[in-house]
Amino acid sequence: MYHYTICNMPDEEIFFKQCSALEKNVPNLVKKDLLEDVDGSLTQIYEKDGSKITVHNSEYIGALYVESEIELEQFF
């Protein structure tokens, strides 16, 4: 599993920019569910060729980060 910290605090504007960047730069990316937790945290789920990629805007952890089953640096 690959982990990428985008911001050391939750930020909804940057969350949606990160999601847009993934959608623009990662070919064959399939957008799945956008989940919202009771604390306002957001999680966008994607799939690429059977691998899962999630973008988390976590109020609980206090960070904006990406978890991926594939390495994403090649796309940026």
N, C-alpha and C. Protein backbone atom coordinates (compact mmCIF):
# COMPACT_ATOMS: atom_id res chain seq x y z
N MET A 1 0.85 -1.18 0.00
CA MET A 1 0.00 0.00 0.00
C MET A 1 0.90 1.24 0.00
N TYR A 2 0.54 2.20 -0.82
CA TYR A 2 1.26 3.47 -0.90
C TYR A 2 0.45 4.55 -0.18
N HIS A 3 1.15 5.40 0.55
CA HIS A 3 0.52 6.50 1.30
C HIS A 3 1.16 7.81 0.88
N TYR A 4 0.33 8.80 0.58
CA TYR A 4 0.81 10.12 0.17
C TYR A 4 0.11 11.17 1.03
N THR A 5 0.86 11.89 1.85
CA THR A 5 0.29 12.98 2.63
C THR A 5 0.24 14.22 1.73
N ILE A 6 -0.94 14.77 1.56
CA ILE A 6 -1.12 15.94 0.71
C ILE A 6 -1.07 17.21 1.55
N CYS A 7 -1.67 17.17 2.73
CA CYS A 7 -1.73 18.34 3.60
C CYS A 7 -1.80 17.85 5.05
N ASN A 8 -1.13 18.55 5.97
CA ASN A 8 -1.11 18.12 7.37
C ASN A 8 -2.31 18.62 8.17
N MET A 9 -3.35 19.02 7.46
CA MET A 9 -4.63 19.36 8.09
C MET A 9 -5.72 19.13 7.05
N PRO A 10 -6.93 18.82 7.49
CA PRO A 10 -8.01 18.61 6.53
C PRO A 10 -8.37 19.92 5.82
N ASP A 11 -8.62 19.83 4.52
CA ASP A 11 -8.98 21.02 3.73
C ASP A 11 -9.86 20.56 2.58
N GLU A 12 -11.13 20.90 2.63
CA GLU A 12 -12.09 20.42 1.64
C GLU A 12 -11.77 20.93 0.23
N GLU A 13 -11.32 22.17 0.11
CA GLU A 13 -10.99 22.72 -1.20
C GLU A 13 -9.83 21.95 -1.84
N ILE A 14 -8.78 21.68 -1.07
CA ILE A 14 -7.64 20.92 -1.58
C ILE A 14 -8.05 19.48 -1.86
N PHE A 15 -8.94 18.92 -1.05
CA PHE A 15 -9.46 17.57 -1.28
C PHE A 15 -10.05 17.45 -2.67
N PHE A 16 -10.93 18.38 -3.04
CA PHE A 16 -11.57 18.31 -4.36
C PHE A 16 -10.57 18.59 -5.48
N LYS A 17 -9.58 19.44 -5.23
CA LYS A 17 -8.52 19.66 -6.23
C LYS A 17 -7.69 18.40 -6.43
N GLN A 18 -7.39 17.69 -5.35
CA GLN A 18 -6.64 16.44 -5.45
C GLN A 18 -7.44 15.40 -6.23
N CYS A 19 -8.72 15.30 -5.95
CA CYS A 19 -9.57 14.37 -6.68
C CYS A 19 -9.57 14.70 -8.18
N SER A 20 -9.70 15.98 -8.51
CA SER A 20 -9.67 16.40 -9.91
C SER A 20 -8.35 16.08 -10.58
N ALA A 21 -7.25 16.27 -9.86
CA ALA A 21 -5.92 15.97 -10.40
C ALA A 21 -5.79 14.48 -10.71
N LEU A 22 -6.27 13.63 -9.83
CA LEU A 22 -6.24 12.19 -10.09
C LEU A 22 -7.09 11.84 -11.31
N GLU A 23 -8.28 12.40 -11.37
CA GLU A 23 -9.19 12.11 -12.48
C GLU A 23 -8.60 12.57 -13.81
N LYS A 24 -7.86 13.64 -13.80
CA LYS A 24 -7.25 14.19 -15.01
C LYS A 24 -6.00 13.41 -15.43
N ASN A 25 -5.18 12.99 -14.47
CA ASN A 25 -3.87 12.44 -14.78
C ASN A 25 -3.73 10.93 -14.77
N VAL A 26 -4.66 10.22 -14.15
CA VAL A 26 -4.55 8.77 -14.06
C VAL A 26 -5.50 8.14 -15.09
N PRO A 27 -4.95 7.53 -16.13
CA PRO A 27 -5.81 6.93 -17.15
C PRO A 27 -6.59 5.73 -16.60
N ASN A 28 -7.77 5.52 -17.15
CA ASN A 28 -8.64 4.39 -16.80
C ASN A 28 -9.07 4.40 -15.33
N LEU A 29 -9.11 5.57 -14.73
CA LEU A 29 -9.55 5.70 -13.34
C LEU A 29 -11.08 5.73 -13.31
N VAL A 30 -11.67 4.91 -12.45
CA VAL A 30 -13.12 4.84 -12.33
C VAL A 30 -13.51 5.43 -10.98
N LYS A 31 -14.32 6.48 -11.02
CA LYS A 31 -14.78 7.14 -9.80
C LYS A 31 -15.91 6.32 -9.19
N LYS A 32 -15.76 6.00 -7.91
CA LYS A 32 -16.77 5.25 -7.17
C LYS A 32 -17.44 6.18 -6.16
N ASP A 33 -17.69 5.70 -4.96
CA ASP A 33 -18.44 6.43 -3.95
C ASP A 33 -17.66 7.58 -3.32
N LEU A 34 -18.40 8.64 -2.99
CA LEU A 34 -17.90 9.71 -2.12
C LEU A 34 -18.60 9.51 -0.79
N LEU A 35 -17.81 9.23 0.25
CA LEU A 35 -18.36 8.95 1.57
C LEU A 35 -18.14 10.14 2.49
N GLU A 36 -19.14 10.44 3.33
CA GLU A 36 -19.00 11.51 4.32
C GLU A 36 -19.30 10.93 5.70
N ASP A 37 -18.35 11.12 6.62
CA ASP A 37 -18.49 10.63 7.98
C ASP A 37 -19.28 11.65 8.81
N VAL A 38 -19.74 11.24 9.97
CA VAL A 38 -20.51 12.13 10.85
C VAL A 38 -19.69 13.34 11.31
N ASP A 39 -18.35 13.22 11.32
CA ASP A 39 -17.51 14.34 11.74
C ASP A 39 -17.16 15.28 10.60
N GLY A 40 -17.71 15.01 9.40
CA GLY A 40 -17.45 15.86 8.24
C GLY A 40 -16.29 15.38 7.37
N SER A 41 -15.63 14.30 7.77
CA SER A 41 -14.55 13.74 6.95
C SER A 41 -15.11 13.24 5.63
N LEU A 42 -14.31 13.39 4.57
CA LEU A 42 -14.70 12.93 3.24
C LEU A 42 -13.72 11.88 2.74
N THR A 43 -14.24 10.88 2.04
CA THR A 43 -13.41 9.86 1.41
C THR A 43 -13.96 9.62 0.01
N GLN A 44 -13.10 9.85 -1.00
CA GLN A 44 -13.47 9.54 -2.38
C GLN A 44 -12.77 8.25 -2.77
N ILE A 45 -13.53 7.30 -3.29
CA ILE A 45 -13.00 6.00 -3.67
C ILE A 45 -12.91 5.92 -5.19
N TYR A 46 -11.77 5.40 -5.66
CA TYR A 46 -11.54 5.17 -7.09
C TYR A 46 -11.05 3.74 -7.29
N GLU A 47 -11.16 3.26 -8.52
CA GLU A 47 -10.56 1.99 -8.92
C GLU A 47 -9.81 2.21 -10.22
N LYS A 48 -8.67 1.54 -10.33
CA LYS A 48 -7.91 1.54 -11.57
C LYS A 48 -7.41 0.13 -11.81
N ASP A 49 -7.89 -0.48 -12.85
CA ASP A 49 -7.46 -1.82 -13.24
C ASP A 49 -7.50 -2.80 -12.06
N GLY A 50 -8.58 -2.75 -11.28
CA GLY A 50 -8.76 -3.66 -10.16
C GLY A 50 -8.08 -3.24 -8.86
N SER A 51 -7.35 -2.12 -8.88
CA SER A 51 -6.69 -1.61 -7.67
C SER A 51 -7.49 -0.45 -7.10
N LYS A 52 -7.46 -0.33 -5.80
CA LYS A 52 -8.24 0.68 -5.09
C LYS A 52 -7.35 1.89 -4.75
N ILE A 53 -7.91 3.09 -4.96
CA ILE A 53 -7.26 4.35 -4.59
C ILE A 53 -8.29 5.14 -3.80
N THR A 54 -7.90 5.64 -2.63
CA THR A 54 -8.82 6.46 -1.83
C THR A 54 -8.15 7.77 -1.45
N VAL A 55 -8.94 8.83 -1.52
CA VAL A 55 -8.50 10.16 -1.08
C VAL A 55 -9.29 10.47 0.19
N HIS A 56 -8.57 10.79 1.26
CA HIS A 56 -9.18 11.01 2.58
C HIS A 56 -8.95 12.45 3.03
N ASN A 57 -10.02 13.11 3.40
CA ASN A 57 -9.95 14.41 4.07
C ASN A 57 -10.44 14.15 5.50
N SER A 58 -9.51 13.75 6.36
CA SER A 58 -9.88 13.22 7.67
C SER A 58 -9.84 14.27 8.77
N GLU A 59 -10.99 14.55 9.34
CA GLU A 59 -11.08 15.43 10.51
C GLU A 59 -10.52 14.71 11.73
N TYR A 60 -10.71 13.39 11.80
CA TYR A 60 -10.25 12.59 12.94
C TYR A 60 -8.72 12.55 13.01
N ILE A 61 -8.09 12.25 11.91
CA ILE A 61 -6.62 12.18 11.87
C ILE A 61 -6.02 13.58 11.77
N GLY A 62 -6.74 14.48 11.14
CA GLY A 62 -6.25 15.84 10.97
C GLY A 62 -5.30 15.97 9.79
N ALA A 63 -5.67 15.34 8.68
CA ALA A 63 -4.81 15.37 7.50
C ALA A 63 -5.62 15.06 6.24
N LEU A 64 -5.04 15.45 5.11
CA LEU A 64 -5.54 15.11 3.79
C LEU A 64 -4.51 14.19 3.17
N TYR A 65 -4.91 12.97 2.80
CA TYR A 65 -3.94 12.00 2.30
C TYR A 65 -4.58 11.06 1.29
N VAL A 66 -3.72 10.38 0.54
CA VAL A 66 -4.14 9.41 -0.46
C VAL A 66 -3.55 8.05 -0.09
N GLU A 67 -4.37 7.01 -0.15
CA GLU A 67 -3.91 5.63 0.00
C GLU A 67 -4.17 4.93 -1.32
N SER A 68 -3.18 4.19 -1.79
CA SER A 68 -3.31 3.56 -3.09
C SER A 68 -2.65 2.20 -3.11
N GLU A 69 -3.27 1.27 -3.82
CA GLU A 69 -2.68 -0.05 -4.01
C GLU A 69 -1.63 -0.03 -5.13
N ILE A 70 -1.58 1.07 -5.89
CA ILE A 70 -0.56 1.23 -6.93
C ILE A 70 0.23 2.50 -6.69
N GLU A 71 1.45 2.56 -7.21
CA GLU A 71 2.29 3.73 -7.07
C GLU A 71 1.77 4.82 -8.02
N LEU A 72 1.54 6.03 -7.50
CA LEU A 72 0.92 7.10 -8.29
C LEU A 72 1.90 8.14 -8.82
N GLU A 73 3.13 8.16 -8.32
CA GLU A 73 4.07 9.21 -8.73
C GLU A 73 4.31 9.21 -10.24
N GLN A 74 4.18 8.07 -10.88
CA GLN A 74 4.39 7.98 -12.33
C GLN A 74 3.39 8.83 -13.11
N PHE A 75 2.26 9.19 -12.53
CA PHE A 75 1.24 9.95 -13.22
C PHE A 75 1.36 11.46 -13.03
N PHE A 76 2.32 11.89 -12.16
CA PHE A 76 2.45 13.32 -11.87
C PHE A 76 3.85 13.80 -12.14
